[in-house]
Amino acid sequence: MIVIKFGGTSVGDAQRVANAIDIVAERRDRDPIVVVSALAGVTNDLVASTEAACAGDDARVGEIIDRVRQRHEDVAMRLVQQKFDFFEAFLKKLHRQIEEIHTILRGIALLREITPRAKDKVMAIGEQLSSVLFAYSMMMRALPGEPVDSGEVVFTDAKFGEASPLMDETRAAAERVLLPIIERRHIPVMGGFIGRTRDGATTTLGRGGSDYSAAIVGAAVGAEEIQIWTDVDGMMTCDPRLIPGARVIEHISYVEAAELAWFGAKVLHPKTIAPAVERNIPVRVLNTHNVASPGTLVSAEGDQREAGPRAVAVKRGVSVVHMTSSRMLGAYGFLARLFAIFDQLQVSVDLITTSEVSVSVTVDDTHNIGVLKEGLEKDGIDVDVRNNQCIVAIVGRNLMKDSAVGARVFDAMRGVPMSMFSLGTSGLNLSIVCDERDADEAVRAIHAALFEAPVPA
């Protein structure tokens, strides 16, 4: 078995859906399970509809939901219309889902507020519609697609908006729901991004969570490979929108890919790697618009090179929290007390640097930053918060082994002010913090130094 996941840009219109179905057909002998995102832009529309409902703008709500309905009808008209019974069956499912959206949005408009649980219910409908549309379109092309409610397979905790899977329940559900479909030589088609709590409430895994869904399902069924089909040729040495000459990375390790994802690479969702690592399942990143490209293989071992940088990524919208206190000097347990305040406020930290009397950290979720500053200052700590920062991360293997890497990076950064830098003993990630307005300049200079300039003899 393999799991094949298509992102929103891969199912953005009728032609792209048709191309994706061709990809599934070519892999039918590998017993595929298909996971699809919502059609490109639909999730944003659904978010906008909840905002309009909260504002009491009924006309805007109607306009948005009509647009969502029309997009799905248009794609179905092109792909499914040749068999009228298929088209009618799809329209019934579509209109049932659209009415469900309207019912939820009417409740939101009445209360003029939305709960995380209600928002997840609305957000999930994009993937539900997409999976039914994809399955019916497969049937039109003589492929036995079978739509599956993701909530019947992926069980999660009740952290609405960013739920985590309950893998024991999910494995049992996958065996109960998916394996019989595979045994009938049918192809299950699921919406990504969606789960369900034990008591039946719809949850979502966070924006971009369809990759995560694919890995969860792959781990649950023990797939031989998870394929993530997107709109680029694979993981690259840098974002090609910033560096047009960026190169595809043919083979990369789990840990390197996870670091790149966490520090801003958009190809894989940061959580995607974890379920695959647990079951040692390779992940292949491929391009629906260039099926001839071999893509990037992500595996436990990666390639066999001993050392060197693999890619440069940038994480924007970061804040640096610099904390100073003379009480740190020679004190025991000070850092534990310091980070207990972070823990209480659920503020997650990316990078840390320390000296005798100061600690600097980066955070990318600033909603509690004011309360955090107040709490630290009450404990007698001087706090300086610098917003609009970014982390430029050079990811590779054993970066400390080659002293020339650091020298070339810092030479490339000449003239760009840096507020922090970090290189752990693992040699996996050399991170530099600078002002966000310098991000593009820094990334271009570092990429040129590491991947474009000739290596000194």
Protein backbone atom coordinates (compact mmCIF):
# COMPACT_ATOMS: atom_id res chain seq x y z
CA MET A 1 0.00 0.00 0.00
CA ILE A 2 0.98 3.60 -0.60
CA VAL A 3 -0.63 6.85 0.47
CA ILE A 4 -0.95 9.55 -2.20
CA LYS A 5 -1.69 13.07 -1.01
CA PHE A 6 -2.65 15.95 -3.31
CA GLY A 7 -2.45 19.54 -2.12
CA GLY A 8 -4.91 22.29 -2.97
CA THR A 9 -2.98 23.54 -5.99
CA SER A 10 -2.93 19.97 -7.35
CA VAL A 11 -6.75 19.88 -7.31
CA GLY A 12 -7.36 23.55 -8.09
CA ASP A 13 -9.52 23.06 -11.19
CA ALA A 14 -10.96 20.34 -13.42
CA GLN A 15 -7.80 19.82 -15.45
CA ARG A 16 -5.65 19.47 -12.37
CA VAL A 17 -8.08 17.01 -10.81
CA ALA A 18 -7.94 15.00 -14.04
CA ASN A 19 -4.11 15.04 -13.96
CA ALA A 20 -4.13 13.89 -10.34
CA ILE A 21 -6.46 11.03 -11.21
CA ASP A 22 -4.03 9.95 -13.95
CA ILE A 23 -1.29 9.82 -11.30
CA VAL A 24 -3.45 7.57 -9.12
CA ALA A 25 -4.27 5.33 -12.11
CA GLU A 26 -0.57 4.80 -12.83
CA ARG A 27 -0.09 3.57 -9.26
CA ARG A 28 -3.20 1.43 -8.91
CA ASP A 29 -1.15 -1.77 -8.65
CA ARG A 30 0.39 -0.42 -5.40
CA ASP A 31 -2.99 -0.30 -3.61
CA PRO A 32 -3.17 3.47 -3.15
CA ILE A 33 -5.06 5.40 -0.49
CA VAL A 34 -5.73 8.95 -1.66
CA VAL A 35 -5.78 11.99 0.64
CA VAL A 36 -6.85 15.33 -0.85
CA SER A 37 -6.83 18.91 0.35
CA ALA A 38 -9.67 21.33 -0.29
CA LEU A 39 -9.70 22.94 -3.73
CA ALA A 40 -7.20 25.80 -3.82
CA GLY A 41 -8.60 28.83 -2.01
CA VAL A 42 -11.67 27.11 -0.55
CA THR A 43 -10.33 26.96 3.01
CA ASN A 44 -9.65 30.70 2.90
CA ASP A 45 -13.21 31.23 1.67
CA LEU A 46 -14.61 29.18 4.55
CA VAL A 47 -12.58 31.19 7.07
CA ALA A 48 -13.89 34.38 5.47
CA SER A 49 -17.46 33.08 5.76
CA THR A 50 -17.10 32.59 9.52
CA GLU A 51 -15.71 36.12 9.87
CA ALA A 52 -18.61 37.53 7.86
CA ALA A 53 -21.08 35.56 9.99
CA CYS A 54 -19.53 36.92 13.20
CA ALA A 55 -19.93 40.43 11.75
CA GLY A 56 -23.59 39.73 10.91
CA ASP A 57 -22.96 40.27 7.21
CA ASP A 58 -25.50 37.81 5.77
CA ALA A 59 -25.05 39.06 2.20
CA ARG A 60 -21.30 38.44 2.36
CA VAL A 61 -21.84 34.97 3.82
CA GLY A 62 -24.23 34.09 0.99
CA GLU A 63 -21.82 35.41 -1.63
CA ILE A 64 -18.89 33.37 -0.28
CA ILE A 65 -20.77 30.09 0.11
CA ASP A 66 -22.37 30.47 -3.34
CA ARG A 67 -18.85 30.84 -4.75
CA VAL A 68 -17.71 27.67 -2.97
CA ARG A 69 -20.74 25.75 -4.25
CA GLN A 70 -20.29 27.03 -7.79
CA ARG A 71 -16.61 26.07 -7.93
CA HIS A 72 -17.38 22.47 -7.03
CA GLU A 73 -20.32 22.32 -9.43
CA ASP A 74 -18.14 23.69 -12.25
CA VAL A 75 -15.43 21.08 -11.71
CA ALA A 76 -18.02 18.31 -11.44
CA MET A 77 -19.76 19.54 -14.60
CA ARG A 78 -16.53 19.10 -16.55
CA LEU A 79 -15.48 15.78 -15.03
CA VAL A 80 -18.66 13.98 -14.03
CA GLN A 81 -21.40 15.25 -16.33
CA GLN A 82 -20.97 12.48 -18.92
CA LYS A 83 -22.75 10.16 -16.52
CA PHE A 84 -25.83 11.95 -15.33
CA ASP A 85 -26.47 9.62 -12.39
CA PHE A 86 -22.96 10.29 -11.03
CA PHE A 87 -23.47 14.04 -11.45
CA GLU A 88 -26.84 13.98 -9.71
CA ALA A 89 -25.46 11.89 -6.83
CA PHE A 90 -22.58 14.31 -6.37
CA LEU A 91 -24.88 17.36 -6.46
CA LYS A 92 -27.05 15.85 -3.72
CA LYS A 93 -23.99 15.39 -1.49
CA LEU A 94 -22.74 18.88 -2.37
CA HIS A 95 -26.03 20.60 -1.58
CA ARG A 96 -26.34 18.67 1.69
CA GLN A 97 -22.91 19.93 2.77
CA ILE A 98 -23.67 23.49 1.65
CA GLU A 99 -26.87 23.48 3.71
CA GLU A 100 -24.87 22.22 6.69
CA ILE A 101 -22.48 25.16 6.29
CA HIS A 102 -25.39 27.60 6.18
CA THR A 103 -26.90 26.07 9.33
CA ILE A 104 -23.65 26.48 11.28
CA LEU A 105 -23.08 30.01 9.95
CA ARG A 106 -26.61 31.05 10.91
CA GLY A 107 -25.85 29.98 14.47
CA ILE A 108 -22.58 31.94 14.42
CA ALA A 109 -24.38 35.02 13.07
CA LEU A 110 -27.02 34.75 15.80
CA LEU A 111 -24.42 34.64 18.58
CA ARG A 112 -21.97 36.99 16.82
CA GLU A 113 -19.12 34.72 17.94
CA ILE A 114 -17.59 31.41 16.95
CA THR A 115 -16.23 28.63 19.12
CA PRO A 116 -13.12 26.67 18.05
CA ARG A 117 -15.35 23.59 17.74
CA ALA A 118 -17.78 25.34 15.35
CA LYS A 119 -14.91 26.77 13.32
CA ASP A 120 -13.40 23.30 12.85
CA LYS A 121 -16.78 22.02 11.68
CA VAL A 122 -16.93 24.70 8.97
CA MET A 123 -13.26 24.40 7.97
CA ALA A 124 -13.52 20.63 7.51
CA ILE A 125 -16.19 20.91 4.85
CA GLY A 126 -13.72 22.00 2.15
CA GLU A 127 -11.83 18.70 2.38
CA GLN A 128 -15.06 16.73 2.63
CA LEU A 129 -16.34 18.26 -0.60
CA SER A 130 -13.01 17.78 -2.34
CA SER A 131 -12.75 14.10 -1.44
CA VAL A 132 -16.27 13.32 -2.67
CA LEU A 133 -15.64 15.26 -5.89
CA PHE A 134 -12.35 13.43 -6.46
CA ALA A 135 -13.87 10.00 -5.83
CA TYR A 136 -16.79 10.60 -8.20
CA SER A 137 -14.41 11.94 -10.85
CA MET A 138 -12.33 8.75 -10.49
CA MET A 139 -15.43 6.65 -11.09
CA MET A 140 -16.02 8.55 -14.32
CA ARG A 141 -12.59 7.41 -15.50
CA ALA A 142 -13.23 3.77 -14.64
CA LEU A 143 -11.28 3.92 -11.39
CA PRO A 144 -13.17 2.52 -8.38
CA GLY A 145 -12.78 5.51 -6.09
CA GLU A 146 -14.67 5.29 -2.82
CA PRO A 147 -15.14 8.41 -0.65
CA VAL A 148 -14.32 7.84 3.02
CA ASP A 149 -15.22 10.17 5.87
CA SER A 150 -11.85 11.01 7.46
CA GLY A 151 -13.58 11.32 10.80
CA GLU A 152 -14.24 7.58 10.66
CA VAL A 153 -10.49 6.92 10.47
CA VAL A 154 -8.43 9.67 12.12
CA PHE A 155 -9.16 9.98 15.85
CA THR A 156 -7.72 12.94 17.73
CA ASP A 157 -7.71 14.77 21.02
CA ALA A 158 -10.09 17.70 21.53
CA LYS A 159 -7.63 20.53 20.83
CA PHE A 160 -9.78 22.15 18.16
CA GLY A 161 -7.84 23.92 15.44
CA GLU A 162 -4.62 21.98 16.06
CA ALA A 163 -5.59 18.48 17.12
CA SER A 164 -3.13 15.63 17.65
CA PRO A 165 -3.86 12.06 16.54
CA LEU A 166 -4.72 9.22 18.88
CA MET A 167 -2.73 6.60 17.04
CA ASP A 168 -4.05 3.45 18.74
CA GLU A 169 -7.65 4.36 17.90
CA THR A 170 -6.62 5.51 14.42
CA ARG A 171 -4.81 2.25 13.65
CA ALA A 172 -7.84 0.23 14.73
CA ALA A 173 -10.17 2.44 12.65
CA ALA A 174 -7.91 2.24 9.59
CA GLU A 175 -7.92 -1.55 9.77
CA ARG A 176 -11.70 -1.55 10.16
CA VAL A 177 -12.55 1.05 7.49
CA LEU A 178 -9.73 1.24 4.93
CA LEU A 179 -8.37 -2.29 4.63
CA PRO A 180 -11.70 -3.85 3.52
CA ILE A 181 -11.92 -1.25 0.74
CA ILE A 182 -8.38 -2.11 -0.38
CA GLU A 183 -9.24 -5.81 -0.30
CA ARG A 184 -12.14 -5.12 -2.68
CA ARG A 185 -9.57 -3.52 -5.02
CA HIS A 186 -11.23 -0.13 -4.55
CA ILE A 187 -9.35 3.10 -3.84
CA PRO A 188 -10.26 5.00 -0.64
CA VAL A 189 -10.38 8.79 -1.06
CA MET A 190 -10.20 10.85 2.13
CA GLY A 191 -10.14 14.53 2.93
CA GLY A 192 -6.96 15.62 4.65
CA PHE A 193 -6.75 17.95 7.64
CA ILE A 194 -9.75 16.38 9.39
CA GLY A 195 -10.19 14.18 12.44
CA ARG A 196 -12.76 13.36 15.08
CA THR A 197 -12.74 13.15 18.86
CA ARG A 198 -13.84 10.09 20.75
CA ASP A 199 -17.22 11.72 21.36
CA GLY A 200 -17.74 12.47 17.65
CA ALA A 201 -16.78 16.16 17.36
CA THR A 202 -15.04 17.21 14.12
CA THR A 203 -11.48 18.46 14.57
CA THR A 204 -8.80 19.85 12.29
CA LEU A 205 -5.05 19.25 12.44
CA GLY A 206 -4.08 22.86 11.70
CA ARG A 207 -3.56 24.72 8.44
CA GLY A 208 -1.45 22.64 6.08
CA GLY A 209 -2.46 19.53 8.01
CA SER A 210 -3.33 17.43 4.95
CA ASP A 211 0.32 16.34 4.78
CA TYR A 212 0.02 15.36 8.42
CA SER A 213 -3.16 13.41 7.63
CA ALA A 214 -1.37 11.47 4.91
CA ALA A 215 1.46 10.53 7.27
CA ILE A 216 -0.99 9.55 10.03
CA VAL A 217 -2.92 7.29 7.66
CA GLY A 218 0.30 5.88 6.20
CA ALA A 219 1.58 5.03 9.67
CA ALA A 220 -1.79 3.55 10.66
CA VAL A 221 -1.88 1.10 7.73
CA GLY A 222 1.87 0.44 7.57
CA ALA A 223 2.23 1.91 4.06
CA GLU A 224 5.40 1.22 2.10
CA GLU A 225 5.63 4.88 1.01
CA ILE A 226 3.86 8.21 1.50
CA GLN A 227 3.77 10.44 -1.58
CA ILE A 228 3.17 14.17 -1.16
CA TRP A 229 2.18 15.67 -4.53
CA THR A 230 2.54 19.44 -4.66
CA ASP A 231 3.42 22.22 -7.10
CA VAL A 232 7.23 22.11 -6.89
CA ASP A 233 9.75 19.46 -7.93
CA GLY A 234 10.58 18.49 -4.35
CA MET A 235 12.45 19.92 -1.41
CA MET A 236 14.95 22.46 -2.66
CA THR A 237 18.09 24.20 -1.51
CA CYS A 238 15.93 27.30 -1.03
CA ASP A 239 12.47 28.64 -1.82
CA PRO A 240 12.53 28.92 -5.66
CA ARG A 241 10.36 32.06 -5.46
CA LEU A 242 13.30 33.73 -3.75
CA ILE A 243 16.14 31.87 -5.50
CA PRO A 244 15.04 30.87 -9.03
CA GLY A 245 18.19 28.79 -9.40
CA ALA A 246 17.54 26.70 -6.29
CA ARG A 247 18.25 22.99 -6.81
CA VAL A 248 16.17 19.94 -5.95
CA ILE A 249 17.49 17.83 -3.08
CA GLU A 250 17.27 14.23 -4.30
CA HIS A 251 17.58 12.49 -0.93
CA ILE A 252 17.37 13.91 2.58
CA SER A 253 17.06 12.49 6.08
CA TYR A 254 13.99 12.75 8.29
CA VAL A 255 15.75 15.02 10.77
CA GLU A 256 17.01 17.40 8.09
CA ALA A 257 13.58 17.59 6.44
CA ALA A 258 11.89 18.21 9.79
CA GLU A 259 14.31 21.04 10.59
CA LEU A 260 13.69 22.65 7.20
CA ALA A 261 9.94 22.32 7.62
CA TRP A 262 10.03 23.83 11.10
CA PHE A 263 12.21 26.73 10.00
CA GLY A 264 10.07 27.86 7.10
CA ALA A 265 10.34 25.46 4.15
CA LYS A 266 6.76 25.27 2.80
CA VAL A 267 6.88 21.93 1.00
CA LEU A 268 6.14 19.79 4.05
CA HIS A 269 4.01 20.54 7.08
CA PRO A 270 6.29 20.63 10.16
CA LYS A 271 4.45 17.74 11.84
CA THR A 272 4.37 15.53 8.76
CA ILE A 273 7.58 13.70 9.48
CA ALA A 274 6.74 12.37 12.96
CA PRO A 275 4.31 9.51 12.10
CA ALA A 276 6.55 8.41 9.22
CA VAL A 277 9.62 8.33 11.49
CA GLU A 278 7.76 6.21 14.02
CA ARG A 279 7.07 3.53 11.41
CA ASN A 280 10.22 4.13 9.30
CA ILE A 281 8.13 4.92 6.20
CA PRO A 282 9.84 6.88 3.41
CA VAL A 283 8.16 10.08 2.24
CA ARG A 284 8.51 11.19 -1.38
CA VAL A 285 7.77 14.80 -2.41
CA LEU A 286 6.65 15.06 -6.06
CA ASN A 287 5.29 17.63 -8.53
CA THR A 288 1.85 17.15 -10.10
CA HIS A 289 2.83 19.62 -12.82
CA ASN A 290 6.06 17.78 -13.67
CA VAL A 291 5.45 14.07 -13.15
CA ALA A 292 8.77 13.21 -14.82
CA SER A 293 10.71 14.76 -11.94
CA PRO A 294 11.97 12.14 -9.45
CA GLY A 295 11.28 14.55 -6.59
CA THR A 296 12.82 14.28 -3.14
CA LEU A 297 13.03 11.10 -1.10
CA VAL A 298 12.87 11.64 2.67
CA SER A 299 14.08 8.62 4.64
CA ALA A 300 15.57 7.80 8.02
CA GLU A 301 19.13 7.66 6.78
CA GLY A 302 19.10 10.30 4.03
CA ASP A 303 21.94 10.18 1.54
CA GLN A 304 25.38 8.89 2.43
CA ARG A 305 27.29 12.16 2.50
CA GLU A 306 29.08 12.66 5.80
CA ALA A 307 28.74 16.39 6.21
CA GLY A 308 27.65 19.61 4.59
CA PRO A 309 24.74 22.02 4.18
CA ARG A 310 21.61 20.84 2.39
CA ALA A 311 19.37 23.92 2.23
CA VAL A 312 18.61 27.40 3.53
CA ALA A 313 15.19 28.29 4.98
CA VAL A 314 13.77 31.40 6.59
CA LYS A 315 11.18 31.69 9.35
CA ARG A 316 9.58 35.12 9.40
CA GLY A 317 7.41 36.88 11.97
CA VAL A 318 9.71 36.00 14.87
CA SER A 319 10.23 37.99 18.08
CA VAL A 320 13.39 37.96 20.18
CA VAL A 321 12.91 38.11 23.95
CA HIS A 322 16.14 39.21 25.66
CA MET A 323 16.14 38.72 29.46
CA THR A 324 18.80 40.07 31.82
CA SER A 325 19.22 39.71 35.59
CA SER A 326 22.24 39.91 37.88
CA ARG A 327 20.55 37.22 40.01
CA MET A 328 21.47 34.68 37.32
CA LEU A 329 25.15 34.91 38.20
CA GLY A 330 26.10 31.60 39.83
CA ALA A 331 22.49 30.86 40.77
CA TYR A 332 20.98 27.38 40.76
CA GLY A 333 17.55 26.77 39.27
CA PHE A 334 17.20 30.25 37.80
CA LEU A 335 16.55 29.00 34.26
CA ALA A 336 13.96 26.55 35.56
CA ARG A 337 12.04 29.38 37.23
CA LEU A 338 12.43 31.52 34.12
CA PHE A 339 11.02 28.94 31.74
CA ALA A 340 8.25 27.99 34.15
CA ILE A 341 6.72 31.35 33.23
CA PHE A 342 6.94 30.42 29.53
CA ASP A 343 5.31 27.09 30.35
CA GLN A 344 2.45 28.69 32.28
CA LEU A 345 1.64 30.96 29.34
CA GLN A 346 2.21 28.19 26.73
CA VAL A 347 4.82 30.25 24.88
CA SER A 348 6.95 27.96 22.70
CA VAL A 349 10.63 28.76 22.11
CA ASP A 350 12.66 28.06 18.95
CA LEU A 351 16.20 29.20 19.75
CA ILE A 352 18.00 29.89 23.03
CA THR A 353 21.32 31.58 23.77
CA THR A 354 22.67 32.20 27.26
CA SER A 355 25.45 34.05 29.04
CA GLU A 356 26.26 34.53 32.74
CA VAL A 357 23.56 37.13 33.29
CA SER A 358 21.29 36.99 30.24
CA VAL A 359 19.12 34.67 28.18
CA SER A 360 17.78 35.36 24.69
CA VAL A 361 15.06 33.30 23.01
CA THR A 362 13.01 33.48 19.83
CA VAL A 363 9.24 32.94 19.76
CA ASP A 364 6.92 32.84 16.76
CA ASP A 365 3.59 33.02 18.62
CA THR A 366 3.38 36.48 20.15
CA HIS A 367 -0.23 36.52 21.38
CA ASN A 368 0.93 36.25 25.02
CA ILE A 369 4.13 38.25 24.65
CA GLY A 370 2.85 41.25 26.64
CA VAL A 371 1.70 39.06 29.54
CA LEU A 372 5.01 37.17 29.36
CA LYS A 373 6.99 40.42 29.60
CA GLU A 374 4.91 41.56 32.56
CA GLY A 375 5.37 38.25 34.40
CA LEU A 376 9.13 38.23 33.88
CA GLU A 377 9.50 41.83 35.02
CA LYS A 378 7.52 41.08 38.18
CA ASP A 379 10.22 38.51 38.94
CA GLY A 380 12.87 41.22 38.72
CA ILE A 381 14.06 40.42 35.18
CA ASP A 382 14.81 43.15 32.67
CA VAL A 383 13.08 42.28 29.40
CA ASP A 384 13.66 43.64 25.90
CA VAL A 385 11.36 42.41 23.12
CA ARG A 386 12.39 42.87 19.50
CA ASN A 387 9.63 42.22 16.98
CA ASN A 388 9.77 41.81 13.19
CA GLN A 389 12.75 39.46 13.32
CA CYS A 390 13.44 36.31 11.30
CA ILE A 391 15.48 33.12 11.63
CA VAL A 392 17.68 32.16 8.69
CA ALA A 393 18.45 28.46 9.11
CA ILE A 394 21.20 26.55 7.33
CA VAL A 395 20.31 22.87 7.65
CA GLY A 396 22.60 19.97 6.92
CA ARG A 397 24.56 17.15 8.45
CA ASN A 398 27.56 17.55 10.76
CA LEU A 399 27.90 21.24 9.98
CA MET A 400 30.52 21.58 12.73
CA LYS A 401 32.80 19.12 10.93
CA ASP A 402 33.68 21.63 8.21
CA SER A 403 34.86 24.94 9.64
CA ALA A 404 34.63 26.50 6.18
CA VAL A 405 30.81 26.37 6.32
CA GLY A 406 30.61 28.81 9.22
CA ALA A 407 33.27 31.04 7.70
CA ARG A 408 31.44 31.27 4.38
CA VAL A 409 28.10 31.93 6.07
CA PHE A 410 29.39 34.75 8.26
CA ASP A 411 31.31 36.23 5.36
CA ALA A 412 28.06 36.24 3.34
CA MET A 413 26.31 38.01 6.23
CA ARG A 414 28.83 40.82 6.28
CA GLY A 415 26.92 44.11 6.53
CA VAL A 416 23.72 42.45 7.81
CA PRO A 417 23.23 43.05 11.57
CA MET A 418 22.64 39.82 13.55
CA SER A 419 20.97 39.66 16.95
CA MET A 420 21.47 35.92 17.66
CA PHE A 421 23.09 32.86 16.21
CA SER A 422 23.04 29.24 17.29
CA LEU A 423 24.76 25.98 16.31
CA GLY A 424 24.08 22.90 18.41
CA THR A 425 26.51 20.05 18.94
CA SER A 426 24.42 17.91 16.57
CA GLY A 427 25.65 20.11 13.73
CA LEU A 428 22.21 19.91 12.16
CA ASN A 429 21.18 23.56 12.09
CA LEU A 430 23.12 26.82 12.04
CA SER A 431 20.54 29.54 12.76
CA ILE A 432 21.00 33.28 12.51
CA VAL A 433 18.48 35.86 13.72
CA CYS A 434 18.28 39.19 11.93
CA ASP A 435 15.77 41.90 11.13
CA GLU A 436 12.98 40.65 8.86
CA ARG A 437 13.65 43.44 6.37
CA ASP A 438 17.11 41.90 5.80
CA ALA A 439 15.77 38.37 5.32
CA ASP A 440 15.80 38.18 1.52
CA GLU A 441 19.27 39.74 1.27
CA ALA A 442 20.63 37.33 3.89
CA VAL A 443 19.12 34.22 2.27
CA ARG A 444 20.34 35.15 -1.20
CA ALA A 445 23.86 35.83 0.06
CA ILE A 446 24.08 32.60 2.08
CA HIS A 447 22.63 30.46 -0.72
CA ALA A 448 25.13 31.96 -3.17
CA ALA A 449 28.01 31.26 -0.78
CA LEU A 450 27.02 27.65 -0.01
CA PHE A 451 25.40 26.37 -3.18
CA GLU A 452 26.43 28.58 -6.06
CA ALA A 453 30.02 29.60 -5.39
CA PRO A 454 32.78 27.07 -6.20
CA VAL A 455 34.05 25.25 -3.13
CA PRO A 456 37.67 26.22 -2.35
CA ALA A 457 40.21 23.48 -3.05
